[in-house]
Amino acid sequence: MKLQFVFLHAIFFVFSFNFLQLSIHANALGNHTDRLGLLHFKQSINSDPFGILSSWNDSVSFCNWPGVICSRRHHRVTSLVLEGHNLKGSISPHIGNLTFLRYINLQNNNFFGQIPQQVGY
């Protein structure tokens, strides 16, 4: 009986460890997708007169980039607030890859072109 308990405990531990690894891997992939989506957004900006996007690079986590707000639990982008920075350019369709994005404020900038269908409808 004691041997069965130890065996079941060991199986539970291995299962739990593998689930944790899978969860961490999935979170890392989501973070990578968010980072790339933001970098594509940055590439679609033709003019950034106040340099607000200049720190959008690998020197700090994208969750610490100006205008980017991430969830505490998943470290995924939930809000993009770039109001009033006089940005000029288009809105990259890659912004649709920010699957946790719930709020976006791009008022008082100068964006042109279509709103990507990945963002609005």
N, C-alpha and C. Protein backbone atom coordinates (compact mmCIF):
# COMPACT_ATOMS: atom_id res chain seq x y z
N MET A 1 0.82 -1.20 0.00
CA MET A 1 0.00 0.00 0.00
C MET A 1 0.87 1.26 0.00
N LYS A 2 1.90 1.26 0.81
CA LYS A 2 2.78 2.42 0.89
C LYS A 2 3.50 2.64 -0.44
N LEU A 3 3.89 1.56 -1.10
CA LEU A 3 4.57 1.65 -2.40
C LEU A 3 3.64 2.27 -3.44
N GLN A 4 2.35 1.91 -3.42
CA GLN A 4 1.39 2.48 -4.36
C GLN A 4 1.25 3.99 -4.14
N PHE A 5 1.20 4.40 -2.87
CA PHE A 5 1.08 5.82 -2.56
C PHE A 5 2.29 6.59 -3.09
N VAL A 6 3.49 6.06 -2.88
CA VAL A 6 4.70 6.72 -3.36
C VAL A 6 4.69 6.77 -4.89
N PHE A 7 4.27 5.70 -5.53
CA PHE A 7 4.22 5.64 -6.99
C PHE A 7 3.23 6.67 -7.53
N LEU A 8 2.02 6.74 -6.93
CA LEU A 8 1.02 7.71 -7.38
C LEU A 8 1.49 9.13 -7.14
N HIS A 9 2.14 9.36 -6.01
CA HIS A 9 2.68 10.68 -5.70
C HIS A 9 3.74 11.09 -6.75
N ALA A 10 4.58 10.14 -7.13
CA ALA A 10 5.61 10.41 -8.14
C ALA A 10 4.98 10.73 -9.50
N ILE A 11 3.96 9.99 -9.87
CA ILE A 11 3.27 10.25 -11.15
C ILE A 11 2.64 11.64 -11.12
N PHE A 12 1.98 11.99 -10.00
CA PHE A 12 1.37 13.31 -9.87
C PHE A 12 2.42 14.41 -9.99
N PHE A 13 3.56 14.23 -9.37
CA PHE A 13 4.63 15.21 -9.42
C PHE A 13 5.13 15.40 -10.85
N VAL A 14 5.35 14.32 -11.57
CA VAL A 14 5.83 14.39 -12.96
C VAL A 14 4.79 15.09 -13.83
N PHE A 15 3.51 14.72 -13.64
CA PHE A 15 2.45 15.36 -14.41
C PHE A 15 2.40 16.86 -14.13
N SER A 16 2.46 17.22 -12.86
CA SER A 16 2.40 18.64 -12.47
C SER A 16 3.58 19.41 -13.04
N PHE A 17 4.77 18.83 -12.99
CA PHE A 17 5.96 19.49 -13.51
C PHE A 17 5.85 19.70 -15.01
N ASN A 18 5.37 18.68 -15.74
CA ASN A 18 5.22 18.81 -17.20
C ASN A 18 4.17 19.85 -17.54
N PHE A 19 3.07 19.92 -16.77
CA PHE A 19 2.05 20.93 -17.01
C PHE A 19 2.61 22.33 -16.78
N LEU A 20 3.40 22.49 -15.73
CA LEU A 20 4.01 23.78 -15.44
C LEU A 20 4.95 24.20 -16.57
N GLN A 21 5.75 23.27 -17.07
CA GLN A 21 6.65 23.59 -18.18
C GLN A 21 5.85 24.00 -19.42
N LEU A 22 4.78 23.28 -19.71
CA LEU A 22 3.94 23.60 -20.86
C LEU A 22 3.31 24.98 -20.70
N SER A 23 2.86 25.30 -19.50
CA SER A 23 2.26 26.60 -19.23
C SER A 23 3.28 27.72 -19.39
N ILE A 24 4.49 27.52 -18.89
CA ILE A 24 5.55 28.53 -19.03
C ILE A 24 5.91 28.73 -20.49
N HIS A 25 5.99 27.63 -21.25
CA HIS A 25 6.32 27.70 -22.67
C HIS A 25 5.24 28.47 -23.44
N ALA A 26 3.96 28.19 -23.15
CA ALA A 26 2.87 28.89 -23.82
C ALA A 26 2.90 30.37 -23.50
N ASN A 27 3.19 30.74 -22.26
CA ASN A 27 3.27 32.14 -21.86
C ASN A 27 4.42 32.83 -22.58
N ALA A 28 5.56 32.15 -22.70
CA ALA A 28 6.72 32.73 -23.39
C ALA A 28 6.40 32.99 -24.86
N LEU A 29 5.69 32.05 -25.50
CA LEU A 29 5.32 32.25 -26.90
C LEU A 29 4.40 33.45 -27.05
N GLY A 30 3.44 33.61 -26.14
CA GLY A 30 2.54 34.76 -26.17
C GLY A 30 3.30 36.06 -25.99
N ASN A 31 4.25 36.06 -25.08
CA ASN A 31 5.06 37.26 -24.86
C ASN A 31 5.84 37.61 -26.12
N HIS A 32 6.40 36.61 -26.78
CA HIS A 32 7.16 36.83 -28.01
C HIS A 32 6.24 37.40 -29.10
N THR A 33 5.04 36.88 -29.19
CA THR A 33 4.07 37.36 -30.18
C THR A 33 3.71 38.81 -29.90
N ASP A 34 3.49 39.16 -28.63
CA ASP A 34 3.16 40.55 -28.29
C ASP A 34 4.32 41.48 -28.63
N ARG A 35 5.53 41.07 -28.28
CA ARG A 35 6.71 41.89 -28.56
C ARG A 35 6.84 42.16 -30.06
N LEU A 36 6.68 41.11 -30.87
CA LEU A 36 6.78 41.27 -32.32
C LEU A 36 5.65 42.14 -32.87
N GLY A 37 4.44 41.99 -32.34
CA GLY A 37 3.33 42.82 -32.77
C GLY A 37 3.59 44.30 -32.52
N LEU A 38 4.15 44.60 -31.35
CA LEU A 38 4.49 45.99 -31.03
C LEU A 38 5.61 46.52 -31.90
N LEU A 39 6.61 45.69 -32.18
CA LEU A 39 7.71 46.13 -33.04
C LEU A 39 7.24 46.39 -34.47
N HIS A 40 6.30 45.58 -34.96
CA HIS A 40 5.72 45.84 -36.28
C HIS A 40 4.91 47.13 -36.28
N PHE A 41 4.20 47.38 -35.17
CA PHE A 41 3.48 48.65 -35.05
C PHE A 41 4.47 49.81 -35.13
N LYS A 42 5.57 49.69 -34.41
CA LYS A 42 6.60 50.74 -34.41
C LYS A 42 7.15 50.96 -35.83
N GLN A 43 7.38 49.89 -36.56
CA GLN A 43 7.91 50.01 -37.93
C GLN A 43 6.96 50.74 -38.86
N SER A 44 5.66 50.71 -38.55
CA SER A 44 4.69 51.36 -39.44
C SER A 44 4.56 52.86 -39.14
N ILE A 45 5.29 53.35 -38.14
CA ILE A 45 5.27 54.77 -37.79
C ILE A 45 6.36 55.49 -38.59
N ASN A 46 5.96 56.51 -39.36
CA ASN A 46 6.91 57.27 -40.18
C ASN A 46 7.56 58.40 -39.41
N SER A 47 6.85 58.94 -38.41
CA SER A 47 7.36 60.09 -37.67
C SER A 47 6.98 59.95 -36.19
N ASP A 48 7.98 60.11 -35.35
CA ASP A 48 7.81 60.06 -33.90
C ASP A 48 8.56 61.25 -33.31
N PRO A 49 7.99 62.47 -33.44
CA PRO A 49 8.74 63.68 -33.09
C PRO A 49 9.17 63.78 -31.62
N PHE A 50 8.44 63.13 -30.73
CA PHE A 50 8.81 63.19 -29.31
C PHE A 50 9.66 62.00 -28.87
N GLY A 51 9.93 61.08 -29.81
CA GLY A 51 10.78 59.92 -29.51
C GLY A 51 10.16 58.94 -28.51
N ILE A 52 8.84 58.91 -28.45
CA ILE A 52 8.16 58.04 -27.49
C ILE A 52 8.45 56.56 -27.75
N LEU A 53 8.68 56.21 -29.02
CA LEU A 53 8.92 54.81 -29.37
C LEU A 53 10.41 54.45 -29.40
N SER A 54 11.27 55.40 -29.10
CA SER A 54 12.72 55.14 -29.18
C SER A 54 13.17 54.10 -28.17
N SER A 55 12.46 53.97 -27.06
CA SER A 55 12.85 52.96 -26.07
C SER A 55 12.17 51.62 -26.31
N TRP A 56 11.43 51.51 -27.40
CA TRP A 56 10.82 50.23 -27.74
C TRP A 56 11.88 49.36 -28.39
N ASN A 57 12.70 48.74 -27.58
CA ASN A 57 13.79 47.87 -28.05
C ASN A 57 14.05 46.82 -26.97
N ASP A 58 15.07 46.04 -27.17
CA ASP A 58 15.34 44.92 -26.26
C ASP A 58 16.06 45.31 -24.98
N SER A 59 16.26 46.61 -24.74
CA SER A 59 16.96 47.02 -23.51
C SER A 59 16.08 46.84 -22.28
N VAL A 60 14.76 46.86 -22.46
CA VAL A 60 13.82 46.61 -21.36
C VAL A 60 12.67 45.76 -21.88
N SER A 61 11.95 45.14 -20.97
CA SER A 61 10.78 44.33 -21.33
C SER A 61 9.74 45.22 -22.00
N PHE A 62 9.05 44.67 -22.99
CA PHE A 62 8.04 45.46 -23.70
C PHE A 62 6.93 45.92 -22.75
N CYS A 63 6.73 45.24 -21.64
CA CYS A 63 5.73 45.68 -20.66
C CYS A 63 6.13 46.99 -19.98
N ASN A 64 7.39 47.38 -20.12
CA ASN A 64 7.87 48.65 -19.56
C ASN A 64 8.03 49.73 -20.62
N TRP A 65 7.63 49.45 -21.85
CA TRP A 65 7.71 50.45 -22.90
C TRP A 65 6.64 51.52 -22.66
N PRO A 66 6.95 52.79 -22.97
CA PRO A 66 5.95 53.84 -22.81
C PRO A 66 4.70 53.55 -23.63
N GLY A 67 3.55 53.71 -23.00
CA GLY A 67 2.28 53.50 -23.67
C GLY A 67 1.77 52.08 -23.66
N VAL A 68 2.56 51.14 -23.17
CA VAL A 68 2.18 49.73 -23.16
C VAL A 68 1.82 49.32 -21.73
N ILE A 69 0.65 48.74 -21.58
CA ILE A 69 0.23 48.24 -20.27
C ILE A 69 -0.03 46.74 -20.42
N CYS A 70 0.58 45.96 -19.52
CA CYS A 70 0.46 44.51 -19.55
C CYS A 70 -0.29 44.00 -18.32
N SER A 71 -0.87 42.84 -18.48
CA SER A 71 -1.52 42.20 -17.34
C SER A 71 -0.45 41.70 -16.37
N ARG A 72 -0.76 41.73 -15.10
CA ARG A 72 0.21 41.26 -14.10
C ARG A 72 0.37 39.75 -14.15
N ARG A 73 -0.71 39.06 -14.38
CA ARG A 73 -0.67 37.60 -14.33
C ARG A 73 0.06 36.98 -15.51
N HIS A 74 -0.31 37.39 -16.72
CA HIS A 74 0.22 36.75 -17.92
C HIS A 74 1.34 37.54 -18.60
N HIS A 75 1.53 38.79 -18.20
CA HIS A 75 2.51 39.66 -18.84
C HIS A 75 2.25 39.76 -20.33
N ARG A 76 0.98 40.01 -20.65
CA ARG A 76 0.55 40.20 -22.03
C ARG A 76 -0.01 41.61 -22.16
N VAL A 77 0.10 42.18 -23.36
CA VAL A 77 -0.36 43.55 -23.61
C VAL A 77 -1.89 43.60 -23.52
N THR A 78 -2.39 44.46 -22.62
CA THR A 78 -3.83 44.64 -22.48
C THR A 78 -4.28 46.02 -22.95
N SER A 79 -3.37 47.00 -22.91
CA SER A 79 -3.72 48.37 -23.33
C SER A 79 -2.55 48.99 -24.08
N LEU A 80 -2.90 49.79 -25.06
CA LEU A 80 -1.92 50.57 -25.81
C LEU A 80 -2.41 52.02 -25.79
N VAL A 81 -1.69 52.88 -25.07
CA VAL A 81 -2.12 54.26 -24.85
C VAL A 81 -1.02 55.19 -25.37
N LEU A 82 -1.21 55.66 -26.60
CA LEU A 82 -0.23 56.54 -27.24
C LEU A 82 -0.89 57.85 -27.67
N GLU A 83 -1.81 58.32 -26.87
CA GLU A 83 -2.56 59.53 -27.18
C GLU A 83 -1.66 60.77 -27.16
N GLY A 84 -1.81 61.61 -28.19
CA GLY A 84 -1.20 62.93 -28.20
C GLY A 84 0.30 62.99 -28.39
N HIS A 85 0.88 62.02 -29.06
CA HIS A 85 2.34 62.02 -29.28
C HIS A 85 2.71 62.46 -30.69
N ASN A 86 1.72 62.91 -31.46
CA ASN A 86 1.94 63.41 -32.81
C ASN A 86 2.62 62.37 -33.71
N LEU A 87 2.27 61.11 -33.49
CA LEU A 87 2.80 60.03 -34.33
C LEU A 87 2.17 60.12 -35.71
N LYS A 88 2.95 59.79 -36.72
CA LYS A 88 2.45 59.77 -38.10
C LYS A 88 2.79 58.42 -38.70
N GLY A 89 1.81 57.83 -39.38
CA GLY A 89 2.03 56.56 -40.03
C GLY A 89 0.74 55.78 -40.17
N SER A 90 0.87 54.51 -40.41
CA SER A 90 -0.30 53.65 -40.54
C SER A 90 -0.35 52.69 -39.35
N ILE A 91 -1.48 52.03 -39.21
CA ILE A 91 -1.65 51.05 -38.13
C ILE A 91 -1.37 49.67 -38.71
N SER A 92 -0.35 49.04 -38.21
CA SER A 92 0.06 47.72 -38.72
C SER A 92 -1.00 46.66 -38.40
N PRO A 93 -1.30 45.79 -39.36
CA PRO A 93 -2.23 44.70 -39.07
C PRO A 93 -1.69 43.73 -38.01
N HIS A 94 -0.38 43.77 -37.76
CA HIS A 94 0.21 42.90 -36.73
C HIS A 94 -0.29 43.24 -35.33
N ILE A 95 -0.92 44.40 -35.18
CA ILE A 95 -1.48 44.75 -33.88
C ILE A 95 -2.59 43.76 -33.50
N GLY A 96 -3.14 43.10 -34.49
CA GLY A 96 -4.14 42.07 -34.24
C GLY A 96 -3.58 40.86 -33.52
N ASN A 97 -2.26 40.73 -33.50
CA ASN A 97 -1.63 39.62 -32.78
C ASN A 97 -1.59 39.85 -31.27
N LEU A 98 -1.96 41.05 -30.84
CA LEU A 98 -2.02 41.34 -29.40
C LEU A 98 -3.36 40.82 -28.89
N THR A 99 -3.44 39.52 -28.67
CA THR A 99 -4.72 38.86 -28.40
C THR A 99 -5.32 39.22 -27.05
N PHE A 100 -4.54 39.79 -26.13
CA PHE A 100 -5.07 40.21 -24.84
C PHE A 100 -5.43 41.70 -24.85
N LEU A 101 -5.20 42.38 -25.97
CA LEU A 101 -5.45 43.83 -26.06
C LEU A 101 -6.94 44.11 -25.91
N ARG A 102 -7.28 44.95 -24.93
CA ARG A 102 -8.67 45.31 -24.67
C ARG A 102 -8.94 46.80 -24.81
N TYR A 103 -7.89 47.60 -24.82
CA TYR A 103 -8.06 49.06 -24.90
C TYR A 103 -6.93 49.64 -25.73
N ILE A 104 -7.31 50.52 -26.65
CA ILE A 104 -6.30 51.20 -27.46
C ILE A 104 -6.72 52.66 -27.60
N ASN A 105 -5.76 53.56 -27.36
CA ASN A 105 -6.02 54.99 -27.48
C ASN A 105 -4.91 55.59 -28.33
N LEU A 106 -5.27 55.96 -29.55
CA LEU A 106 -4.32 56.58 -30.48
C LEU A 106 -4.80 57.97 -30.89
N GLN A 107 -5.61 58.61 -30.06
CA GLN A 107 -6.14 59.93 -30.37
C GLN A 107 -5.02 60.97 -30.50
N ASN A 108 -5.33 62.01 -31.25
CA ASN A 108 -4.43 63.16 -31.41
C ASN A 108 -3.07 62.76 -31.99
N ASN A 109 -3.11 61.87 -32.95
CA ASN A 109 -1.95 61.50 -33.76
C ASN A 109 -2.39 61.67 -35.21
N ASN A 110 -1.57 61.28 -36.14
CA ASN A 110 -1.90 61.44 -37.55
C ASN A 110 -1.70 60.11 -38.27
N PHE A 111 -2.66 59.20 -38.07
CA PHE A 111 -2.61 57.91 -38.74
C PHE A 111 -3.41 57.99 -40.03
N PHE A 112 -2.96 57.25 -41.02
CA PHE A 112 -3.65 57.25 -42.31
C PHE A 112 -3.85 55.81 -42.75
N GLY A 113 -4.70 55.66 -43.76
CA GLY A 113 -4.98 54.33 -44.29
C GLY A 113 -6.15 53.69 -43.55
N GLN A 114 -6.37 52.45 -43.88
CA GLN A 114 -7.48 51.69 -43.31
C GLN A 114 -7.15 51.20 -41.90
N ILE A 115 -8.18 51.05 -41.09
CA ILE A 115 -8.01 50.35 -39.82
C ILE A 115 -7.99 48.86 -40.17
N PRO A 116 -6.92 48.18 -39.80
CA PRO A 116 -6.82 46.75 -40.18
C PRO A 116 -8.00 45.96 -39.64
N GLN A 117 -8.50 45.04 -40.45
CA GLN A 117 -9.66 44.24 -40.03
C GLN A 117 -9.32 43.38 -38.83
N GLN A 118 -8.02 43.13 -38.57
CA GLN A 118 -7.63 42.37 -37.40
C GLN A 118 -7.91 43.15 -36.11
N VAL A 119 -8.09 44.46 -36.24
CA VAL A 119 -8.31 45.33 -35.08
C VAL A 119 -9.78 45.69 -34.94
N GLY A 120 -10.39 46.11 -36.01
CA GLY A 120 -11.77 46.56 -35.96
C GLY A 120 -12.60 45.88 -37.02
N TYR A 121 -13.87 46.17 -36.98
CA TYR A 121 -14.76 45.60 -37.98
C TYR A 121 -15.80 46.58 -38.40
